[in-house]
Amino acid sequence: MVVSLPVLRIPQLRDADELAHLHVAVWKSTYGERLPESCYTQQAVAERKNLWTTILSASPPRLVTAAHQEQIVGFAHAGPPFEQAPAQALELYSLYLLPRWHGSGVGRQLLDAVLGDRPAQLWVAEHNPRAHGFYRRNHFDADGATRQGALPEVRLARQHLPPKNVQDFHSA
């Protein structure tokens, strides 16, 4: 039986609730007991919905979702870094994908859709080996920067990649 892969698309304001639920669900499956239970409540979903409504209302610079049978199963979001001394001029803010789709190539499609082959940076939880492996395979390396929070994070960065045939939703 052939399972169709998700289709990438630019999200709309009406997707804010679905993005919020996905965001919290992926956090729970990824971080589980490492974060307080309050991160996974309906209140957390409501806060994420407010966040996504704000982001989608502002026409984010680079945001793509992956939808399978019209249900959002992942998203990637990128833009200019917020920090004072970034390693690169473009930052991957988030890339979340339901566990069912890990290893399917959808994560790479999302990454390519928002970053293309440009130099970029991102922050990732220090103790997230799956994510570290994924980003290493996509030419990101730790640059020595760290930050502390609910989950300690490390910054990863990559230089310009050789041109490849990627669909960049935001270069046109």
N, C-alpha and C. Protein backbone atom coordinates (compact mmCIF):
# COMPACT_ATOMS: atom_id res chain seq x y z
N MET A 1 0.83 -1.18 0.00
CA MET A 1 0.00 0.00 0.00
C MET A 1 0.88 1.25 0.00
N VAL A 2 0.63 2.15 -0.91
CA VAL A 2 1.39 3.38 -1.02
C VAL A 2 0.70 4.46 -0.19
N VAL A 3 1.46 5.08 0.69
CA VAL A 3 0.94 6.18 1.50
C VAL A 3 1.42 7.48 0.87
N SER A 4 0.49 8.37 0.59
CA SER A 4 0.88 9.64 -0.01
C SER A 4 1.59 10.50 1.02
N LEU A 5 2.52 11.29 0.55
CA LEU A 5 3.25 12.21 1.42
C LEU A 5 2.48 13.50 1.58
N PRO A 6 2.73 14.20 2.65
CA PRO A 6 2.08 15.50 2.83
C PRO A 6 2.46 16.48 1.72
N VAL A 7 1.60 17.44 1.52
CA VAL A 7 1.80 18.51 0.54
C VAL A 7 2.19 19.77 1.30
N LEU A 8 3.20 20.46 0.80
CA LEU A 8 3.62 21.71 1.43
C LEU A 8 2.74 22.85 0.94
N ARG A 9 2.41 23.73 1.88
CA ARG A 9 1.60 24.90 1.51
C ARG A 9 1.86 26.03 2.49
N ILE A 10 1.55 27.23 2.07
CA ILE A 10 1.65 28.41 2.92
C ILE A 10 0.39 28.42 3.81
N PRO A 11 0.57 28.53 5.14
CA PRO A 11 -0.61 28.51 6.00
C PRO A 11 -1.41 29.81 5.94
N GLN A 12 -2.66 29.69 6.29
CA GLN A 12 -3.58 30.82 6.34
C GLN A 12 -3.96 31.11 7.79
N LEU A 13 -4.56 32.25 8.03
CA LEU A 13 -4.99 32.62 9.37
C LEU A 13 -5.90 31.55 9.98
N ARG A 14 -6.71 30.92 9.19
CA ARG A 14 -7.63 29.88 9.68
C ARG A 14 -6.88 28.66 10.23
N ASP A 15 -5.58 28.55 9.97
CA ASP A 15 -4.78 27.41 10.43
C ASP A 15 -4.22 27.61 11.84
N ALA A 16 -4.45 28.76 12.46
CA ALA A 16 -3.84 29.06 13.76
C ALA A 16 -4.18 28.02 14.82
N ASP A 17 -5.43 27.60 14.91
CA ASP A 17 -5.82 26.62 15.92
C ASP A 17 -5.14 25.27 15.68
N GLU A 18 -5.12 24.83 14.44
CA GLU A 18 -4.48 23.55 14.12
C GLU A 18 -2.97 23.60 14.37
N LEU A 19 -2.34 24.72 14.04
CA LEU A 19 -0.91 24.88 14.31
C LEU A 19 -0.64 24.85 15.82
N ALA A 20 -1.51 25.48 16.60
CA ALA A 20 -1.33 25.50 18.05
C ALA A 20 -1.41 24.09 18.62
N HIS A 21 -2.40 23.31 18.21
CA HIS A 21 -2.54 21.93 18.70
C HIS A 21 -1.33 21.09 18.29
N LEU A 22 -0.89 21.23 17.05
CA LEU A 22 0.28 20.49 16.56
C LEU A 22 1.52 20.89 17.35
N HIS A 23 1.71 22.17 17.56
CA HIS A 23 2.87 22.69 18.27
C HIS A 23 2.97 22.06 19.66
N VAL A 24 1.88 22.07 20.40
CA VAL A 24 1.87 21.51 21.76
C VAL A 24 2.03 19.99 21.72
N ALA A 25 1.38 19.32 20.78
CA ALA A 25 1.49 17.86 20.68
C ALA A 25 2.92 17.42 20.39
N VAL A 26 3.61 18.13 19.51
CA VAL A 26 4.99 17.77 19.18
C VAL A 26 5.90 18.07 20.37
N TRP A 27 5.67 19.17 21.05
CA TRP A 27 6.46 19.45 22.26
C TRP A 27 6.30 18.31 23.26
N LYS A 28 5.07 17.86 23.46
CA LYS A 28 4.82 16.79 24.44
C LYS A 28 5.50 15.50 24.03
N SER A 29 5.42 15.15 22.76
CA SER A 29 6.05 13.90 22.31
C SER A 29 7.57 14.00 22.31
N THR A 30 8.10 15.19 22.13
CA THR A 30 9.55 15.38 22.09
C THR A 30 10.15 15.55 23.48
N TYR A 31 9.52 16.38 24.30
CA TYR A 31 10.13 16.76 25.57
C TYR A 31 9.50 16.10 26.79
N GLY A 32 8.28 15.57 26.65
CA GLY A 32 7.64 14.82 27.72
C GLY A 32 7.81 15.41 29.10
N GLU A 33 8.44 14.66 29.98
CA GLU A 33 8.59 15.07 31.38
C GLU A 33 9.69 16.11 31.61
N ARG A 34 10.45 16.45 30.56
CA ARG A 34 11.50 17.46 30.73
C ARG A 34 10.93 18.87 30.88
N LEU A 35 9.68 19.04 30.48
CA LEU A 35 9.01 20.33 30.65
C LEU A 35 7.83 20.15 31.60
N PRO A 36 7.42 21.21 32.28
CA PRO A 36 6.28 21.09 33.19
C PRO A 36 5.00 20.72 32.44
N GLU A 37 4.13 20.01 33.11
CA GLU A 37 2.85 19.60 32.51
C GLU A 37 2.07 20.81 32.00
N SER A 38 2.28 21.97 32.60
CA SER A 38 1.57 23.18 32.17
C SER A 38 1.86 23.55 30.71
N CYS A 39 2.95 23.04 30.16
CA CYS A 39 3.29 23.30 28.75
C CYS A 39 2.38 22.55 27.79
N TYR A 40 1.59 21.61 28.31
CA TYR A 40 0.79 20.75 27.45
C TYR A 40 -0.71 20.87 27.69
N THR A 41 -1.14 21.84 28.47
CA THR A 41 -2.55 21.98 28.82
C THR A 41 -3.33 22.72 27.74
N GLN A 42 -4.65 22.79 27.93
CA GLN A 42 -5.49 23.57 27.01
C GLN A 42 -5.10 25.05 27.06
N GLN A 43 -4.67 25.51 28.23
CA GLN A 43 -4.20 26.89 28.34
C GLN A 43 -2.97 27.10 27.45
N ALA A 44 -2.07 26.12 27.43
CA ALA A 44 -0.89 26.21 26.56
C ALA A 44 -1.31 26.26 25.09
N VAL A 45 -2.31 25.45 24.73
CA VAL A 45 -2.81 25.46 23.35
C VAL A 45 -3.40 26.84 23.03
N ALA A 46 -4.17 27.40 23.97
CA ALA A 46 -4.76 28.73 23.75
C ALA A 46 -3.68 29.79 23.57
N GLU A 47 -2.61 29.70 24.36
CA GLU A 47 -1.50 30.65 24.23
C GLU A 47 -0.81 30.49 22.88
N ARG A 48 -0.63 29.25 22.45
CA ARG A 48 -0.02 29.02 21.13
C ARG A 48 -0.94 29.51 20.02
N LYS A 49 -2.24 29.34 20.19
CA LYS A 49 -3.16 29.84 19.17
C LYS A 49 -3.03 31.35 19.04
N ASN A 50 -2.93 32.05 20.17
CA ASN A 50 -2.72 33.51 20.12
C ASN A 50 -1.42 33.84 19.40
N LEU A 51 -0.37 33.09 19.71
CA LEU A 51 0.92 33.29 19.05
C LEU A 51 0.79 33.10 17.54
N TRP A 52 0.18 31.98 17.14
CA TRP A 52 0.06 31.70 15.70
C TRP A 52 -0.86 32.69 15.00
N THR A 53 -1.89 33.15 15.67
CA THR A 53 -2.76 34.17 15.08
C THR A 53 -1.96 35.44 14.82
N THR A 54 -1.13 35.82 15.77
CA THR A 54 -0.28 37.01 15.60
C THR A 54 0.70 36.81 14.45
N ILE A 55 1.37 35.66 14.43
CA ILE A 55 2.35 35.38 13.37
C ILE A 55 1.69 35.39 12.00
N LEU A 56 0.57 34.69 11.87
CA LEU A 56 -0.10 34.59 10.57
C LEU A 56 -0.70 35.92 10.13
N SER A 57 -1.11 36.74 11.08
CA SER A 57 -1.66 38.06 10.75
C SER A 57 -0.58 39.01 10.25
N ALA A 58 0.66 38.76 10.64
CA ALA A 58 1.77 39.65 10.28
C ALA A 58 2.46 39.24 8.98
N SER A 59 1.93 38.27 8.26
CA SER A 59 2.56 37.79 7.04
C SER A 59 4.02 37.44 7.30
N PRO A 60 4.25 36.32 8.01
CA PRO A 60 5.62 35.95 8.36
C PRO A 60 6.49 35.80 7.13
N PRO A 61 7.79 36.09 7.29
CA PRO A 61 8.69 36.05 6.14
C PRO A 61 8.81 34.67 5.51
N ARG A 62 8.87 33.62 6.31
CA ARG A 62 9.07 32.27 5.78
C ARG A 62 8.36 31.29 6.70
N LEU A 63 7.21 30.80 6.26
CA LEU A 63 6.43 29.85 7.04
C LEU A 63 5.73 28.90 6.08
N VAL A 64 5.95 27.61 6.28
CA VAL A 64 5.36 26.59 5.41
C VAL A 64 4.83 25.47 6.28
N THR A 65 3.69 24.91 5.88
CA THR A 65 3.15 23.74 6.57
C THR A 65 3.20 22.54 5.64
N ALA A 66 3.16 21.36 6.25
CA ALA A 66 3.00 20.10 5.51
C ALA A 66 1.63 19.57 5.91
N ALA A 67 0.78 19.30 4.92
CA ALA A 67 -0.57 18.82 5.19
C ALA A 67 -0.79 17.48 4.50
N HIS A 68 -1.34 16.55 5.26
CA HIS A 68 -1.68 15.22 4.73
C HIS A 68 -3.18 15.03 4.91
N GLN A 69 -3.85 14.77 3.81
CA GLN A 69 -5.31 14.63 3.82
C GLN A 69 -5.95 15.82 4.54
N GLU A 70 -5.44 17.00 4.21
CA GLU A 70 -5.92 18.30 4.70
C GLU A 70 -5.70 18.53 6.19
N GLN A 71 -4.90 17.69 6.85
CA GLN A 71 -4.54 17.90 8.25
C GLN A 71 -3.07 18.31 8.31
N ILE A 72 -2.76 19.38 9.04
CA ILE A 72 -1.38 19.83 9.16
C ILE A 72 -0.61 18.84 10.02
N VAL A 73 0.50 18.34 9.49
CA VAL A 73 1.32 17.35 10.21
C VAL A 73 2.70 17.90 10.56
N GLY A 74 3.02 19.10 10.08
CA GLY A 74 4.30 19.71 10.38
C GLY A 74 4.36 21.13 9.87
N PHE A 75 5.36 21.86 10.36
CA PHE A 75 5.57 23.23 9.89
C PHE A 75 7.02 23.62 10.11
N ALA A 76 7.45 24.61 9.33
CA ALA A 76 8.77 25.22 9.50
C ALA A 76 8.59 26.72 9.38
N HIS A 77 9.35 27.46 10.19
CA HIS A 77 9.22 28.91 10.25
C HIS A 77 10.62 29.50 10.39
N ALA A 78 10.93 30.48 9.57
CA ALA A 78 12.25 31.11 9.59
C ALA A 78 12.13 32.60 9.34
N GLY A 79 13.18 33.32 9.70
CA GLY A 79 13.23 34.76 9.47
C GLY A 79 14.52 35.32 10.03
N PRO A 80 14.60 36.62 10.16
CA PRO A 80 15.82 37.23 10.69
C PRO A 80 16.00 36.88 12.17
N PRO A 81 17.23 36.66 12.61
CA PRO A 81 17.46 36.36 14.03
C PRO A 81 17.06 37.53 14.92
N PHE A 82 16.66 37.19 16.15
CA PHE A 82 16.28 38.20 17.14
C PHE A 82 17.46 38.62 18.01
N GLU A 83 18.50 37.82 18.04
CA GLU A 83 19.62 38.08 18.95
C GLU A 83 20.52 39.19 18.41
N GLN A 84 21.34 39.77 19.31
CA GLN A 84 22.21 40.89 18.97
C GLN A 84 23.38 40.49 18.07
N ALA A 85 23.94 39.31 18.29
CA ALA A 85 25.13 38.89 17.53
C ALA A 85 24.87 37.53 16.88
N PRO A 86 24.04 37.51 15.84
CA PRO A 86 23.73 36.22 15.21
C PRO A 86 24.91 35.66 14.43
N ALA A 87 24.89 34.35 14.26
CA ALA A 87 25.92 33.68 13.45
C ALA A 87 25.61 33.82 11.97
N GLN A 88 24.32 33.96 11.64
CA GLN A 88 23.88 34.08 10.25
C GLN A 88 22.73 35.08 10.19
N ALA A 89 22.40 35.54 9.00
CA ALA A 89 21.33 36.53 8.82
C ALA A 89 19.94 35.91 8.73
N LEU A 90 19.87 34.59 8.69
CA LEU A 90 18.59 33.88 8.60
C LEU A 90 18.56 32.84 9.72
N GLU A 91 17.43 32.75 10.43
CA GLU A 91 17.29 31.79 11.51
C GLU A 91 16.07 30.90 11.30
N LEU A 92 16.26 29.62 11.50
CA LEU A 92 15.14 28.69 11.55
C LEU A 92 14.57 28.80 12.95
N TYR A 93 13.36 29.37 13.06
CA TYR A 93 12.75 29.54 14.38
C TYR A 93 12.19 28.21 14.89
N SER A 94 11.59 27.45 14.00
CA SER A 94 10.99 26.19 14.42
C SER A 94 10.79 25.27 13.23
N LEU A 95 10.90 23.99 13.51
CA LEU A 95 10.56 22.94 12.56
C LEU A 95 9.98 21.81 13.41
N TYR A 96 8.68 21.61 13.29
CA TYR A 96 7.99 20.60 14.08
C TYR A 96 7.24 19.66 13.14
N LEU A 97 7.31 18.38 13.46
CA LEU A 97 6.70 17.36 12.63
C LEU A 97 6.18 16.25 13.53
N LEU A 98 4.94 15.82 13.29
CA LEU A 98 4.40 14.72 14.08
C LEU A 98 5.32 13.50 13.97
N PRO A 99 5.52 12.77 15.06
CA PRO A 99 6.44 11.62 15.05
C PRO A 99 6.16 10.61 13.94
N ARG A 100 4.92 10.44 13.57
CA ARG A 100 4.57 9.48 12.51
C ARG A 100 5.33 9.77 11.20
N TRP A 101 5.70 11.01 11.00
CA TRP A 101 6.34 11.42 9.75
C TRP A 101 7.86 11.52 9.86
N HIS A 102 8.43 11.24 11.03
CA HIS A 102 9.89 11.24 11.15
C HIS A 102 10.48 10.23 10.18
N GLY A 103 11.54 10.60 9.52
CA GLY A 103 12.22 9.71 8.60
C GLY A 103 11.58 9.61 7.23
N SER A 104 10.53 10.36 6.98
CA SER A 104 9.80 10.28 5.70
C SER A 104 10.35 11.22 4.64
N GLY A 105 11.21 12.16 5.04
CA GLY A 105 11.70 13.17 4.11
C GLY A 105 10.92 14.48 4.20
N VAL A 106 9.82 14.48 4.94
CA VAL A 106 9.00 15.68 5.04
C VAL A 106 9.73 16.78 5.81
N GLY A 107 10.46 16.42 6.86
CA GLY A 107 11.22 17.41 7.60
C GLY A 107 12.22 18.13 6.71
N ARG A 108 12.90 17.38 5.87
CA ARG A 108 13.86 17.97 4.93
C ARG A 108 13.16 18.89 3.93
N GLN A 109 11.98 18.48 3.47
CA GLN A 109 11.23 19.32 2.54
C GLN A 109 10.85 20.65 3.21
N LEU A 110 10.40 20.56 4.46
CA LEU A 110 10.04 21.78 5.19
C LEU A 110 11.27 22.69 5.37
N LEU A 111 12.38 22.08 5.77
CA LEU A 111 13.62 22.84 5.95
C LEU A 111 14.02 23.53 4.65
N ASP A 112 14.04 22.79 3.57
CA ASP A 112 14.41 23.36 2.28
C ASP A 112 13.44 24.46 1.84
N ALA A 113 12.16 24.29 2.15
CA ALA A 113 11.16 25.27 1.72
C ALA A 113 11.36 26.63 2.38
N VAL A 114 11.84 26.65 3.63
CA VAL A 114 12.01 27.94 4.31
C VAL A 114 13.43 28.48 4.26
N LEU A 115 14.42 27.59 4.08
CA LEU A 115 15.81 28.05 4.04
C LEU A 115 16.46 27.97 2.67
N GLY A 116 15.96 27.07 1.81
CA GLY A 116 16.65 26.85 0.54
C GLY A 116 18.08 26.42 0.82
N ASP A 117 19.03 26.97 0.10
CA ASP A 117 20.44 26.62 0.33
C ASP A 117 21.20 27.74 1.03
N ARG A 118 20.47 28.68 1.63
CA ARG A 118 21.09 29.83 2.27
C ARG A 118 21.78 29.47 3.59
N PRO A 119 22.80 30.25 3.96
CA PRO A 119 23.38 30.11 5.30
C PRO A 119 22.29 30.41 6.33
N ALA A 120 22.33 29.70 7.44
CA ALA A 120 21.28 29.89 8.46
C ALA A 120 21.79 29.42 9.81
N GLN A 121 21.03 29.79 10.83
CA GLN A 121 21.31 29.33 12.18
C GLN A 121 20.00 28.86 12.79
N LEU A 122 20.11 28.18 13.93
CA LEU A 122 18.94 27.76 14.69
C LEU A 122 19.36 27.46 16.11
N TRP A 123 18.40 27.42 17.01
CA TRP A 123 18.63 27.02 18.39
C TRP A 123 17.88 25.71 18.59
N VAL A 124 18.55 24.75 19.22
CA VAL A 124 17.94 23.44 19.44
C VAL A 124 18.22 23.01 20.87
N ALA A 125 17.26 22.28 21.44
CA ALA A 125 17.45 21.78 22.80
C ALA A 125 18.73 20.94 22.85
N GLU A 126 19.52 21.19 23.86
CA GLU A 126 20.80 20.49 24.00
C GLU A 126 20.62 18.97 24.02
N HIS A 127 19.56 18.51 24.66
CA HIS A 127 19.33 17.06 24.80
C HIS A 127 18.19 16.61 23.89
N ASN A 128 18.36 16.80 22.59
CA ASN A 128 17.40 16.35 21.59
C ASN A 128 18.20 15.66 20.48
N PRO A 129 18.63 14.42 20.72
CA PRO A 129 19.52 13.75 19.76
C PRO A 129 18.91 13.58 18.37
N ARG A 130 17.61 13.35 18.27
CA ARG A 130 16.98 13.21 16.95
C ARG A 130 17.16 14.49 16.15
N ALA A 131 16.88 15.63 16.78
CA ALA A 131 17.02 16.91 16.08
C ALA A 131 18.47 17.19 15.73
N HIS A 132 19.39 16.91 16.65
CA HIS A 132 20.82 17.14 16.35
C HIS A 132 21.25 16.32 15.14
N GLY A 133 20.83 15.07 15.07
CA GLY A 133 21.18 14.22 13.93
C GLY A 133 20.61 14.77 12.64
N PHE A 134 19.35 15.19 12.67
CA PHE A 134 18.70 15.75 11.48
C PHE A 134 19.46 16.98 10.99
N TYR A 135 19.78 17.87 11.91
CA TYR A 135 20.46 19.10 11.49
C TYR A 135 21.89 18.84 11.03
N ARG A 136 22.59 17.89 11.64
CA ARG A 136 23.93 17.51 11.16
C ARG A 136 23.85 17.03 9.72
N ARG A 137 22.85 16.18 9.43
CA ARG A 137 22.68 15.68 8.05
C ARG A 137 22.38 16.81 7.08
N ASN A 138 21.91 17.93 7.59
CA ASN A 138 21.59 19.07 6.74
C ASN A 138 22.61 20.20 6.89
N HIS A 139 23.84 19.80 7.29
CA HIS A 139 25.02 20.68 7.26
C HIS A 139 25.07 21.74 8.36
N PHE A 140 24.37 21.54 9.45
CA PHE A 140 24.45 22.45 10.60
C PHE A 140 25.43 21.89 11.61
N ASP A 141 26.22 22.77 12.20
CA ASP A 141 27.18 22.39 13.25
C ASP A 141 27.05 23.36 14.41
N ALA A 142 27.32 22.84 15.62
CA ALA A 142 27.32 23.70 16.81
C ALA A 142 28.42 24.74 16.65
N ASP A 143 28.10 25.98 17.02
CA ASP A 143 29.10 27.05 16.90
C ASP A 143 29.61 27.52 18.26
N GLY A 144 29.23 26.82 19.33
CA GLY A 144 29.72 27.15 20.66
C GLY A 144 28.79 28.03 21.48
N ALA A 145 27.79 28.65 20.85
CA ALA A 145 26.86 29.51 21.59
C ALA A 145 25.82 28.65 22.31
N THR A 146 25.47 29.04 23.52
CA THR A 146 24.45 28.34 24.30
C THR A 146 23.54 29.37 24.95
N ARG A 147 22.38 28.92 25.35
CA ARG A 147 21.51 29.75 26.17
C ARG A 147 20.71 28.85 27.10
N GLN A 148 20.40 29.42 28.26
CA GLN A 148 19.70 28.66 29.30
C GLN A 148 18.24 29.07 29.33
N GLY A 149 17.40 28.09 29.62
CA GLY A 149 15.97 28.33 29.75
C GLY A 149 15.35 27.07 30.32
N ALA A 150 14.07 26.87 30.08
CA ALA A 150 13.41 25.65 30.55
C ALA A 150 14.15 24.43 30.02
N LEU A 151 14.65 24.54 28.80
CA LEU A 151 15.51 23.52 28.19
C LEU A 151 16.78 24.21 27.73
N PRO A 152 17.96 23.80 28.20
CA PRO A 152 19.20 24.40 27.69
C PRO A 152 19.29 24.19 26.18
N GLU A 153 19.77 25.21 25.48
CA GLU A 153 19.84 25.16 24.02
C GLU A 153 21.26 25.44 23.53
N VAL A 154 21.54 24.92 22.35
CA VAL A 154 22.79 25.21 21.65
C VAL A 154 22.44 25.79 20.29
N ARG A 155 23.32 26.67 19.82
CA ARG A 155 23.10 27.24 18.48
C ARG A 155 23.85 26.41 17.46
N LEU A 156 23.18 26.10 16.37
CA LEU A 156 23.78 25.43 15.23
C LEU A 156 23.75 26.39 14.05
N ALA A 157 24.76 26.32 13.20
CA ALA A 157 24.82 27.20 12.04
C ALA A 157 25.37 26.43 10.85
N ARG A 158 25.02 26.90 9.67
CA ARG A 158 25.58 26.33 8.44
C ARG A 158 25.95 27.47 7.50
N GLN A 159 26.94 27.17 6.68
CA GLN A 159 27.36 28.11 5.66
C GLN A 159 26.53 27.87 4.40
N HIS A 160 26.80 28.64 3.39
CA HIS A 160 26.09 28.49 2.12
C HIS A 160 26.32 27.09 1.56
N LEU A 161 25.26 26.47 1.08
CA LEU A 161 25.35 25.14 0.49
C LEU A 161 25.49 25.24 -1.02
N PRO A 162 26.05 24.21 -1.65
CA PRO A 162 26.06 24.19 -3.12
C PRO A 162 24.62 24.21 -3.63
N PRO A 163 24.37 24.85 -4.76
CA PRO A 163 23.00 24.88 -5.29
C PRO A 163 22.46 23.47 -5.46
N LYS A 164 21.18 23.32 -5.16
CA LYS A 164 20.51 22.05 -5.35
C LYS A 164 19.10 22.33 -5.81
N ASN A 165 18.43 21.34 -6.24
CA ASN A 165 17.08 21.49 -6.75
C ASN A 165 16.10 21.43 -5.58
N VAL A 166 15.84 22.59 -4.94
CA VAL A 166 14.89 22.64 -3.84
C VAL A 166 13.78 23.62 -4.18
N GLN A 167 12.61 23.33 -3.67
CA GLN A 167 11.48 24.23 -3.86
C GLN A 167 11.45 25.21 -2.71
N ASP A 168 11.85 26.44 -2.96
CA ASP A 168 11.84 27.48 -1.95
C ASP A 168 10.56 28.28 -2.14
N PHE A 169 9.66 28.17 -1.20
CA PHE A 169 8.36 28.81 -1.29
C PHE A 169 8.44 30.32 -1.21
N HIS A 170 9.58 30.86 -0.85
CA HIS A 170 9.66 32.29 -0.55
C HIS A 170 10.66 33.04 -1.39
N SER A 171 11.22 32.45 -2.42
CA SER A 171 12.25 33.15 -3.19
C SER A 171 11.67 33.88 -4.39
N ALA A 172 10.47 33.57 -4.76
CA ALA A 172 9.89 34.19 -5.95
C ALA A 172 9.41 35.60 -5.69
